[in-house]
C-alpha atoms as a PDB file:
ATOM      1  CA  MET A   1    -125.242 -60.502  55.054  1.00  0.00           C
ATOM      2  CA  THR A   2    -128.748 -61.289  56.272  1.00  0.00           C
ATOM      3  CA  LEU A   3    -131.277 -58.499  56.633  1.00  0.00           C
ATOM      4  CA  SER A   4    -132.242 -57.792  60.245  1.00  0.00           C
ATOM      5  CA  PRO A   5    -135.452 -59.625  61.168  1.00  0.00           C
ATOM      6  CA  ILE A   6    -136.850 -56.333  62.495  1.00  0.00           C
ATOM      7  CA  ILE A   7    -136.244 -54.566  59.174  1.00  0.00           C
ATOM      8  CA  ALA A   8    -137.561 -57.530  57.190  1.00  0.00           C
ATOM      9  CA  LEU A   9    -140.767 -57.649  59.246  1.00  0.00           C
ATOM     10  CA  ARG A  10    -141.301 -53.878  59.067  1.00  0.00           C
ATOM     11  CA  LYS A  11    -140.914 -53.872  55.290  1.00  0.00           C
ATOM     12  CA  ALA A  12    -143.442 -56.677  54.908  1.00  0.00           C
ATOM     13  CA  MET A  13    -145.909 -55.076  57.339  1.00  0.00           C
ATOM     14  CA  ARG A  14    -145.585 -51.697  55.622  1.00  0.00           C
ATOM     15  CA  ALA A  15    -146.140 -53.252  52.189  1.00  0.00           C
ATOM     16  CA  ARG A  16    -149.278 -55.061  53.423  1.00  0.00           C
ATOM     17  CA  LEU A  17    -150.716 -51.892  54.970  1.00  0.00           C
ATOM     18  CA  ALA A  18    -149.836 -49.609  52.040  1.00  0.00           C
ATOM     19  CA  ALA A  19    -151.457 -52.041  49.582  1.00  0.00           C
ATOM     20  CA  ASP A  20    -154.867 -51.815  51.272  1.00  0.00           C
ATOM     21  CA  ALA A  21    -157.032 -49.181  49.564  1.00  0.00           C
ATOM     22  CA  GLY A  22    -159.408 -48.871  52.531  1.00  0.00           C
ATOM     23  CA  LEU A  23    -156.621 -48.130  54.983  1.00  0.00           C
ATOM     24  CA  VAL A  24    -154.872 -45.712  52.621  1.00  0.00           C
ATOM     25  CA  SER A  25    -158.182 -43.894  52.144  1.00  0.00           C
ATOM     26  CA  ALA A  26    -158.798 -43.701  55.916  1.00  0.00           C
ATOM     27  CA  LEU A  27    -155.294 -42.233  56.384  1.00  0.00           C
ATOM     28  CA  GLY A  28    -155.658 -39.783  53.488  1.00  0.00           C
ATOM     29  CA  GLY A  29    -152.665 -41.410  51.770  1.00  0.00           C
ATOM     30  CA  ALA A  30    -150.099 -44.082  52.576  1.00  0.00           C
ATOM     31  CA  LYS A  31    -148.940 -42.278  55.725  1.00  0.00           C
ATOM     32  CA  ILE A  32    -146.947 -45.037  57.428  1.00  0.00           C
ATOM     33  CA  TYR A  33    -143.784 -43.699  59.068  1.00  0.00           C
ATOM     34  CA  ASP A  34    -140.726 -44.815  61.027  1.00  0.00           C
ATOM     35  CA  GLU A  35    -140.559 -41.396  62.677  1.00  0.00           C
ATOM     36  CA  ALA A  36    -143.357 -38.981  63.530  1.00  0.00           C
ATOM     37  CA  PRO A  37    -143.677 -36.339  60.797  1.00  0.00           C
ATOM     38  CA  ARG A  38    -143.359 -32.640  61.521  1.00  0.00           C
ATOM     39  CA  GLY A  39    -146.660 -30.805  61.389  1.00  0.00           C
ATOM     40  CA  PRO A  40    -150.192 -32.064  61.793  1.00  0.00           C
ATOM     41  CA  GLU A  41    -150.439 -34.720  59.075  1.00  0.00           C
ATOM     42  CA  ALA A  42    -152.676 -36.936  61.193  1.00  0.00           C
ATOM     43  CA  PRO A  43    -154.086 -39.457  60.932  1.00  0.00           C
ATOM     44  CA  TYR A  44    -151.008 -41.559  60.353  1.00  0.00           C
ATOM     45  CA  VAL A  45    -149.424 -44.855  61.394  1.00  0.00           C
ATOM     46  CA  LEU A  46    -146.077 -44.927  63.133  1.00  0.00           C
ATOM     47  CA  PHE A  47    -143.741 -47.857  63.688  1.00  0.00           C
ATOM     48  CA  ALA A  48    -143.001 -47.295  67.361  1.00  0.00           C
ATOM     49  CA  GLU A  49    -141.130 -49.734  69.583  1.00  0.00           C
ATOM     50  CA  ALA A  50    -139.627 -53.041  68.537  1.00  0.00           C
ATOM     51  CA  ARG A  51    -138.006 -55.577  70.816  1.00  0.00           C
ATOM     52  CA  LEU A  52    -136.083 -58.587  69.570  1.00  0.00           C
ATOM     53  CA  ARG A  53    -135.367 -61.759  71.536  1.00  0.00           C
ATOM     54  CA  ASP A  54    -133.509 -64.877  70.530  1.00  0.00           C
ATOM     55  CA  TRP A  55    -135.895 -67.660  69.544  1.00  0.00           C
ATOM     56  CA  SER A  56    -133.356 -70.091  68.133  1.00  0.00           C
ATOM     57  CA  ALA A  57    -133.605 -73.859  68.183  1.00  0.00           C
ATOM     58  CA  THR A  58    -130.809 -76.378  67.897  1.00  0.00           C
ATOM     59  CA  ASP A  59    -130.980 -76.446  64.104  1.00  0.00           C
ATOM     60  CA  SER A  60    -132.269 -72.972  63.235  1.00  0.00           C
ATOM     61  CA  HIS A  61    -131.809 -69.310  64.108  1.00  0.00           C
ATOM     62  CA  GLY A  62    -134.991 -67.548  65.069  1.00  0.00           C
ATOM     63  CA  ALA A  63    -136.275 -64.369  66.643  1.00  0.00           C
ATOM     64  CA  GLU A  64    -139.274 -63.290  68.637  1.00  0.00           C
ATOM     65  CA  GLN A  65    -140.270 -59.704  67.922  1.00  0.00           C
ATOM     66  CA  LEU A  66    -142.561 -57.504  69.939  1.00  0.00           C
ATOM     67  CA  VAL A  67    -143.647 -54.681  67.630  1.00  0.00           C
ATOM     68  CA  THR A  68    -145.805 -51.654  68.389  1.00  0.00           C
ATOM     69  CA  LEU A  69    -147.632 -49.729  65.690  1.00  0.00           C
ATOM     70  CA  SER A  70    -149.177 -46.419  66.752  1.00  0.00           C
ATOM     71  CA  VAL A  71    -152.175 -44.787  65.119  1.00  0.00           C
ATOM     72  CA  VAL A  72    -152.213 -41.022  65.678  1.00  0.00           C
ATOM     73  CA  SER A  73    -155.293 -38.873  65.100  1.00  0.00           C
ATOM     74  CA  LEU A  74    -156.241 -35.217  65.573  1.00  0.00           C
ATOM     75  CA  GLN A  75    -159.944 -36.071  65.958  1.00  0.00           C
ATOM     76  CA  ARG A  76    -161.601 -35.472  69.307  1.00  0.00           C
ATOM     77  CA  GLY A  77    -162.098 -38.755  71.101  1.00  0.00           C
ATOM     78  CA  LEU A  78    -160.594 -42.013  70.000  1.00  0.00           C
ATOM     79  CA  THR A  79    -163.115 -43.094  67.364  1.00  0.00           C
ATOM     80  CA  GLU A  80    -160.956 -42.398  64.297  1.00  0.00           C
ATOM     81  CA  ALA A  81    -157.782 -43.877  65.799  1.00  0.00           C
ATOM     82  CA  LEU A  82    -159.609 -46.983  67.017  1.00  0.00           C
ATOM     83  CA  ALA A  83    -161.307 -47.515  63.642  1.00  0.00           C
ATOM     84  CA  ILE A  84    -157.966 -47.290  61.817  1.00  0.00           C
ATOM     85  CA  GLY A  85    -156.422 -49.574  64.440  1.00  0.00           C
ATOM     86  CA  GLU A  86    -159.116 -52.179  63.808  1.00  0.00           C
ATOM     87  CA  MET A  87    -158.347 -52.057  60.092  1.00  0.00           C
ATOM     88  CA  ILE A  88    -154.649 -52.642  60.803  1.00  0.00           C
ATOM     89  CA  VAL A  89    -155.356 -55.572  63.120  1.00  0.00           C
ATOM     90  CA  ALA A  90    -157.611 -57.134  60.462  1.00  0.00           C
ATOM     91  CA  LEU A  91    -154.778 -56.812  57.905  1.00  0.00           C
ATOM     92  CA  LEU A  92    -151.921 -58.075  60.079  1.00  0.00           C
ATOM     93  CA  ASP A  93    -153.250 -60.506  62.689  1.00  0.00           C
ATOM     94  CA  GLU A  94    -152.229 -64.014  61.593  1.00  0.00           C
ATOM     95  CA  ALA A  95    -151.180 -62.640  58.194  1.00  0.00           C
ATOM     96  CA  SER A  96    -148.950 -64.681  55.900  1.00  0.00           C
ATOM     97  CA  LEU A  97    -146.304 -62.120  55.024  1.00  0.00           C
ATOM     98  CA  VAL A  98    -143.235 -62.772  52.884  1.00  0.00           C
ATOM     99  CA  LEU A  99    -140.048 -61.510  54.520  1.00  0.00           C
ATOM    100  CA  VAL A 100    -136.674 -61.050  52.836  1.00  0.00           C
ATOM    101  CA  GLY A 101    -134.139 -63.468  54.354  1.00  0.00           C
ATOM    102  CA  HIS A 102    -136.573 -64.795  56.971  1.00  0.00           C
ATOM    103  CA  HIS A 103    -139.628 -67.003  57.277  1.00  0.00           C
ATOM    104  CA  LEU A 104    -142.552 -65.617  59.255  1.00  0.00           C
ATOM    105  CA  VAL A 105    -143.756 -68.360  61.579  1.00  0.00           C
ATOM    106  CA  ASP A 106    -146.485 -66.373  63.300  1.00  0.00           C
ATOM    107  CA  LEU A 107    -147.784 -62.805  63.645  1.00  0.00           C
ATOM    108  CA  ARG A 108    -150.479 -62.046  66.206  1.00  0.00           C
ATOM    109  CA  HIS A 109    -152.097 -58.992  67.708  1.00  0.00           C
ATOM    110  CA  GLN A 110    -151.408 -59.073  71.445  1.00  0.00           C
ATOM    111  CA  GLY A 111    -153.384 -56.051  72.611  1.00  0.00           C
ATOM    112  CA  SER A 112    -153.985 -52.317  72.293  1.00  0.00           C
ATOM    113  CA  ASP A 113    -153.613 -49.245  74.493  1.00  0.00           C
ATOM    114  CA  THR A 114    -155.193 -45.811  74.055  1.00  0.00           C
ATOM    115  CA  ARG A 115    -154.050 -42.424  75.297  1.00  0.00           C
ATOM    116  CA  ARG A 116    -154.095 -38.686  74.641  1.00  0.00           C
ATOM    117  CA  GLU A 117    -150.885 -36.737  73.972  1.00  0.00           C
ATOM    118  CA  GLN A 118    -149.791 -33.101  73.934  1.00  0.00           C
ATOM    119  CA  ASN A 119    -152.521 -31.888  76.309  1.00  0.00           C
ATOM    120  CA  GLY A 120    -155.204 -33.861  74.500  1.00  0.00           C
ATOM    121  CA  ARG A 121    -154.293 -32.634  71.014  1.00  0.00           C
ATOM    122  CA  PHE A 122    -153.544 -36.116  69.657  1.00  0.00           C
ATOM    123  CA  ALA A 123    -155.412 -39.384  70.197  1.00  0.00           C
ATOM    124  CA  ARG A 124    -153.097 -42.377  70.041  1.00  0.00           C
ATOM    125  CA  VAL A 125    -153.796 -46.082  69.836  1.00  0.00           C
ATOM    126  CA  ASP A 126    -150.805 -48.400  70.281  1.00  0.00           C
ATOM    127  CA  LEU A 127    -151.237 -51.815  68.673  1.00  0.00           C
ATOM    128  CA  ARG A 128    -148.925 -54.516  70.037  1.00  0.00           C
ATOM    129  CA  PHE A 129    -147.975 -57.465  67.857  1.00  0.00           C
ATOM    130  CA  ARG A 130    -145.813 -60.532  68.514  1.00  0.00           C
ATOM    131  CA  ALA A 131    -144.001 -62.151  65.602  1.00  0.00           C
ATOM    132  CA  THR A 132    -141.770 -65.181  65.437  1.00  0.00           C
ATOM    133  CA  THR A 133    -139.363 -65.582  62.535  1.00  0.00           C
ATOM    134  CA  GLU A 134    -136.684 -67.997  61.379  1.00  0.00           C
ATOM    135  CA  ALA A 135    -133.635 -67.010  59.351  1.00  0.00           C
ATOM    136  CA  LEU A 136    -133.440 -68.589  55.891  1.00  0.00           C
END
């Protein structure tokens, strides 16, 4: 059974982010989650939305993934969240990641959105990435 391309990509992205000492220091630990934690542990990184589309060719099975990573901060303004977001983009944009059961063809940052949540309590930066993968 082949590992889902979404799971394979998330594992590789998480490993790349958690291995970077600068990012881990900025987060106050390797705080990279699939689900928002309870309590104010910000700043942290959250794997938010993922969309998968068929990207197969005649002789290979492939997938296009649209992945959103969210940076959440308790700091006033967006400075902290944007700075952490820039670190993540530098680590992942056009990165050569090794995926289990899949080959990463391309990973690119597509854009970012900022917003405030919970009556301005949290600053959030959503980083959108597009990845294309082929099953091995």
